[in-house]
Amino acid sequence: MTGERSVPDIRDDRERLAVLLAYGLYLLAITNGVTALVGFIVALARRDAARGTVYESHYRNLITVFLVLMAFAGLVLAAVLAGVLGLFSLAFSPAPWAALWWFPVPVVMAPLLGIGWLILGVWTLWRVIGGFIRALEERPY
């Protein structure tokens, strides 16, 4: 029986390949962003097939990373909209000094969002690169 592979080994190899593909798509998303969505879809589609394997935790990790990124993007969008609304209210207000209460929103939020993006980027790279290495070593996340 040397050289023969059992059925679970082939299943694990397929899952390993799919996990590595999803991690690669997440890493490629640094340049374009869209491939993270494709990696997320791969993780969602393959997670049921990976139940009970080492790779189940990797799919959970990939899904968590994507959802955290989307939640933060939603917060950024809300902050940007608040800032834009504040600027519009300041520009088109009949009494511009009355709309100055909006002014601190973009001024305070810009550095906070920049720091948040930096922290989120480091966290994302940590999770994705760490997961990629663990998947290569056939270890759970």
C-alpha atoms as a PDB file:
ATOM      1  CA  MET A   1       0.000   0.000   0.000  1.00  0.00           C
ATOM      2  CA  THR A   2       2.902   2.365  -0.303  1.00  0.00           C
ATOM      3  CA  GLY A   3       2.199   5.248  -2.582  1.00  0.00           C
ATOM      4  CA  GLU A   4      -1.581   4.880  -2.268  1.00  0.00           C
ATOM      5  CA  ARG A   5      -3.611   7.580  -0.659  1.00  0.00           C
ATOM      6  CA  SER A   6      -6.785   7.137   1.291  1.00  0.00           C
ATOM      7  CA  VAL A   7      -9.954   9.097   0.548  1.00  0.00           C
ATOM      8  CA  PRO A   8      -9.665  11.426   3.587  1.00  0.00           C
ATOM      9  CA  ASP A   9      -6.191  12.486   2.454  1.00  0.00           C
ATOM     10  CA  ILE A  10      -7.526  13.547  -0.936  1.00  0.00           C
ATOM     11  CA  ARG A  11     -10.357  15.450   0.755  1.00  0.00           C
ATOM     12  CA  ASP A  12      -7.852  17.201   3.024  1.00  0.00           C
ATOM     13  CA  ASP A  13      -5.696  18.097   0.026  1.00  0.00           C
ATOM     14  CA  ARG A  14      -8.687  19.667  -1.728  1.00  0.00           C
ATOM     15  CA  GLU A  15      -9.543  21.668   1.357  1.00  0.00           C
ATOM     16  CA  ARG A  16      -5.936  22.702   1.813  1.00  0.00           C
ATOM     17  CA  LEU A  17      -5.798  23.924  -1.778  1.00  0.00           C
ATOM     18  CA  ALA A  18      -9.062  25.854  -1.377  1.00  0.00           C
ATOM     19  CA  VAL A  19      -7.875  27.421   1.896  1.00  0.00           C
ATOM     20  CA  LEU A  20      -4.550  28.432   0.365  1.00  0.00           C
ATOM     21  CA  LEU A  21      -6.410  29.884  -2.620  1.00  0.00           C
ATOM     22  CA  ALA A  22      -8.667  31.924  -0.329  1.00  0.00           C
ATOM     23  CA  TYR A  23      -5.700  33.187   1.698  1.00  0.00           C
ATOM     24  CA  GLY A  24      -3.931  34.101  -1.545  1.00  0.00           C
ATOM     25  CA  LEU A  25      -6.982  36.019  -2.722  1.00  0.00           C
ATOM     26  CA  TYR A  26      -7.066  37.925   0.575  1.00  0.00           C
ATOM     27  CA  LEU A  27      -3.387  38.815   0.186  1.00  0.00           C
ATOM     28  CA  LEU A  28      -3.996  39.895  -3.399  1.00  0.00           C
ATOM     29  CA  ALA A  29      -6.816  42.124  -2.139  1.00  0.00           C
ATOM     30  CA  ILE A  30      -4.169  44.503  -0.829  1.00  0.00           C
ATOM     31  CA  THR A  31      -3.795  45.723  -4.414  1.00  0.00           C
ATOM     32  CA  ASN A  32      -7.396  45.687  -5.608  1.00  0.00           C
ATOM     33  CA  GLY A  33      -9.857  44.796  -2.828  1.00  0.00           C
ATOM     34  CA  VAL A  34     -12.210  42.768  -5.029  1.00  0.00           C
ATOM     35  CA  THR A  35     -10.378  39.485  -4.585  1.00  0.00           C
ATOM     36  CA  ALA A  36     -11.183  39.514  -0.851  1.00  0.00           C
ATOM     37  CA  LEU A  37     -14.834  39.161  -1.827  1.00  0.00           C
ATOM     38  CA  VAL A  38     -13.958  36.188  -4.046  1.00  0.00           C
ATOM     39  CA  GLY A  39     -11.928  34.653  -1.203  1.00  0.00           C
ATOM     40  CA  PHE A  40     -14.880  35.198   1.146  1.00  0.00           C
ATOM     41  CA  ILE A  41     -17.196  33.425  -1.288  1.00  0.00           C
ATOM     42  CA  VAL A  42     -14.734  30.513  -1.557  1.00  0.00           C
ATOM     43  CA  ALA A  43     -14.599  30.301   2.250  1.00  0.00           C
ATOM     44  CA  LEU A  44     -18.393  30.331   2.530  1.00  0.00           C
ATOM     45  CA  ALA A  45     -18.834  27.744  -0.192  1.00  0.00           C
ATOM     46  CA  ARG A  46     -16.204  25.350   1.169  1.00  0.00           C
ATOM     47  CA  ARG A  47     -16.751  25.650   4.917  1.00  0.00           C
ATOM     48  CA  ASP A  48     -19.429  22.933   5.112  1.00  0.00           C
ATOM     49  CA  ALA A  49     -17.214  20.508   3.184  1.00  0.00           C
ATOM     50  CA  ALA A  50     -14.405  21.145   5.669  1.00  0.00           C
ATOM     51  CA  ARG A  51     -16.380  20.225   8.793  1.00  0.00           C
ATOM     52  CA  GLY A  52     -14.281  18.034  11.043  1.00  0.00           C
ATOM     53  CA  THR A  53     -11.013  18.768   9.260  1.00  0.00           C
ATOM     54  CA  VAL A  54      -8.068  20.932  10.191  1.00  0.00           C
ATOM     55  CA  TYR A  55      -9.228  23.513   7.649  1.00  0.00           C
ATOM     56  CA  GLU A  56     -12.584  24.281   9.251  1.00  0.00           C
ATOM     57  CA  SER A  57     -10.914  26.807  11.557  1.00  0.00           C
ATOM     58  CA  HIS A  58      -9.198  28.439   8.572  1.00  0.00           C
ATOM     59  CA  TYR A  59     -12.517  29.084   6.862  1.00  0.00           C
ATOM     60  CA  ARG A  60     -13.875  30.516  10.106  1.00  0.00           C
ATOM     61  CA  ASN A  61     -10.823  32.803  10.273  1.00  0.00           C
ATOM     62  CA  LEU A  62     -11.270  33.969   6.680  1.00  0.00           C
ATOM     63  CA  ILE A  63     -14.957  34.707   7.207  1.00  0.00           C
ATOM     64  CA  THR A  64     -14.208  36.607  10.425  1.00  0.00           C
ATOM     65  CA  VAL A  65     -11.525  38.724   8.762  1.00  0.00           C
ATOM     66  CA  PHE A  66     -13.844  39.654   5.903  1.00  0.00           C
ATOM     67  CA  LEU A  67     -16.756  40.535   8.177  1.00  0.00           C
ATOM     68  CA  VAL A  68     -14.542  42.690  10.422  1.00  0.00           C
ATOM     69  CA  LEU A  69     -13.201  44.496   7.344  1.00  0.00           C
ATOM     70  CA  MET A  70     -16.735  45.145   6.093  1.00  0.00           C
ATOM     71  CA  ALA A  71     -17.909  46.367   9.502  1.00  0.00           C
ATOM     72  CA  PHE A  72     -15.012  48.808   9.692  1.00  0.00           C
ATOM     73  CA  ALA A  73     -15.669  49.940   6.119  1.00  0.00           C
ATOM     74  CA  GLY A  74     -19.272  50.647   7.156  1.00  0.00           C
ATOM     75  CA  LEU A  75     -18.058  52.763  10.070  1.00  0.00           C
ATOM     76  CA  VAL A  76     -15.731  54.663   7.764  1.00  0.00           C
ATOM     77  CA  LEU A  77     -18.569  55.249   5.309  1.00  0.00           C
ATOM     78  CA  ALA A  78     -20.806  56.560   8.089  1.00  0.00           C
ATOM     79  CA  ALA A  79     -18.047  58.909   9.314  1.00  0.00           C
ATOM     80  CA  VAL A  80     -17.366  60.182   5.794  1.00  0.00           C
ATOM     81  CA  LEU A  81     -21.068  60.800   5.204  1.00  0.00           C
ATOM     82  CA  ALA A  82     -21.312  62.677   8.499  1.00  0.00           C
ATOM     83  CA  GLY A  83     -18.344  64.803   7.482  1.00  0.00           C
ATOM     84  CA  VAL A  84     -19.763  65.516   4.033  1.00  0.00           C
ATOM     85  CA  LEU A  85     -23.159  66.397   5.507  1.00  0.00           C
ATOM     86  CA  GLY A  86     -21.406  68.697   7.934  1.00  0.00           C
ATOM     87  CA  LEU A  87     -19.539  70.453   5.169  1.00  0.00           C
ATOM     88  CA  PHE A  88     -22.719  70.823   3.100  1.00  0.00           C
ATOM     89  CA  SER A  89     -24.616  72.215   6.042  1.00  0.00           C
ATOM     90  CA  LEU A  90     -21.789  74.643   6.662  1.00  0.00           C
ATOM     91  CA  ALA A  91     -21.628  75.697   3.015  1.00  0.00           C
ATOM     92  CA  PHE A  92     -25.356  76.049   2.366  1.00  0.00           C
ATOM     93  CA  SER A  93     -26.572  77.268   5.729  1.00  0.00           C
ATOM     94  CA  PRO A  94     -28.113  80.749   5.818  1.00  0.00           C
ATOM     95  CA  ALA A  95     -26.234  81.259   9.066  1.00  0.00           C
ATOM     96  CA  PRO A  96     -22.895  79.414   8.643  1.00  0.00           C
ATOM     97  CA  TRP A  97     -21.886  79.923  12.262  1.00  0.00           C
ATOM     98  CA  ALA A  98     -24.972  77.953  13.324  1.00  0.00           C
ATOM     99  CA  ALA A  99     -23.724  74.894  11.420  1.00  0.00           C
ATOM    100  CA  LEU A 100     -20.286  74.911  13.011  1.00  0.00           C
ATOM    101  CA  TRP A 101     -21.332  72.121  15.390  1.00  0.00           C
ATOM    102  CA  TRP A 102     -20.661  69.699  12.486  1.00  0.00           C
ATOM    103  CA  PHE A 103     -17.094  70.909  11.983  1.00  0.00           C
ATOM    104  CA  PRO A 104     -15.398  68.669  14.602  1.00  0.00           C
ATOM    105  CA  VAL A 105     -16.705  65.497  12.948  1.00  0.00           C
ATOM    106  CA  PRO A 106     -14.296  65.423   9.973  1.00  0.00           C
ATOM    107  CA  VAL A 107     -11.479  67.083  11.910  1.00  0.00           C
ATOM    108  CA  VAL A 108     -11.568  64.543  14.752  1.00  0.00           C
ATOM    109  CA  MET A 109     -12.563  61.504  12.707  1.00  0.00           C
ATOM    110  CA  ALA A 110      -9.870  61.750  10.003  1.00  0.00           C
ATOM    111  CA  PRO A 111      -6.903  60.939  12.275  1.00  0.00           C
ATOM    112  CA  LEU A 112      -8.914  58.350  14.193  1.00  0.00           C
ATOM    113  CA  LEU A 113      -9.900  56.602  10.984  1.00  0.00           C
ATOM    114  CA  GLY A 114      -6.313  56.709   9.747  1.00  0.00           C
ATOM    115  CA  ILE A 115      -5.087  55.083  12.951  1.00  0.00           C
ATOM    116  CA  GLY A 116      -7.962  52.600  12.749  1.00  0.00           C
ATOM    117  CA  TRP A 117      -7.054  51.630   9.174  1.00  0.00           C
ATOM    118  CA  LEU A 118      -3.441  51.127  10.210  1.00  0.00           C
ATOM    119  CA  ILE A 119      -4.391  48.888  13.148  1.00  0.00           C
ATOM    120  CA  LEU A 120      -6.917  46.988  11.039  1.00  0.00           C
ATOM    121  CA  GLY A 121      -4.364  46.494   8.256  1.00  0.00           C
ATOM    122  CA  VAL A 122      -1.785  45.051  10.648  1.00  0.00           C
ATOM    123  CA  TRP A 123      -4.429  42.822  12.259  1.00  0.00           C
ATOM    124  CA  THR A 124      -5.631  41.607   8.859  1.00  0.00           C
ATOM    125  CA  LEU A 125      -2.125  40.823   7.637  1.00  0.00           C
ATOM    126  CA  TRP A 126      -1.393  39.032  10.912  1.00  0.00           C
ATOM    127  CA  ARG A 127      -4.487  36.840  10.565  1.00  0.00           C
ATOM    128  CA  VAL A 128      -4.090  36.159   6.845  1.00  0.00           C
ATOM    129  CA  ILE A 129      -0.332  35.523   6.748  1.00  0.00           C
ATOM    130  CA  GLY A 130      -0.482  33.516   9.985  1.00  0.00           C
ATOM    131  CA  GLY A 131      -3.355  31.443   8.636  1.00  0.00           C
ATOM    132  CA  PHE A 132      -1.561  30.908   5.339  1.00  0.00           C
ATOM    133  CA  ILE A 133       1.524  29.615   7.144  1.00  0.00           C
ATOM    134  CA  ARG A 134      -0.554  27.365   9.393  1.00  0.00           C
ATOM    135  CA  ALA A 135      -2.403  25.982   6.373  1.00  0.00           C
ATOM    136  CA  LEU A 136       0.900  25.240   4.654  1.00  0.00           C
ATOM    137  CA  GLU A 137       1.978  23.342   7.762  1.00  0.00           C
ATOM    138  CA  GLU A 138      -1.417  21.552   7.853  1.00  0.00           C
ATOM    139  CA  ARG A 139      -2.216  22.974  11.292  1.00  0.00           C
ATOM    140  CA  PRO A 140      -5.553  24.456  12.378  1.00  0.00           C
ATOM    141  CA  TYR A 141      -5.856  28.184  12.742  1.00  0.00           C
END
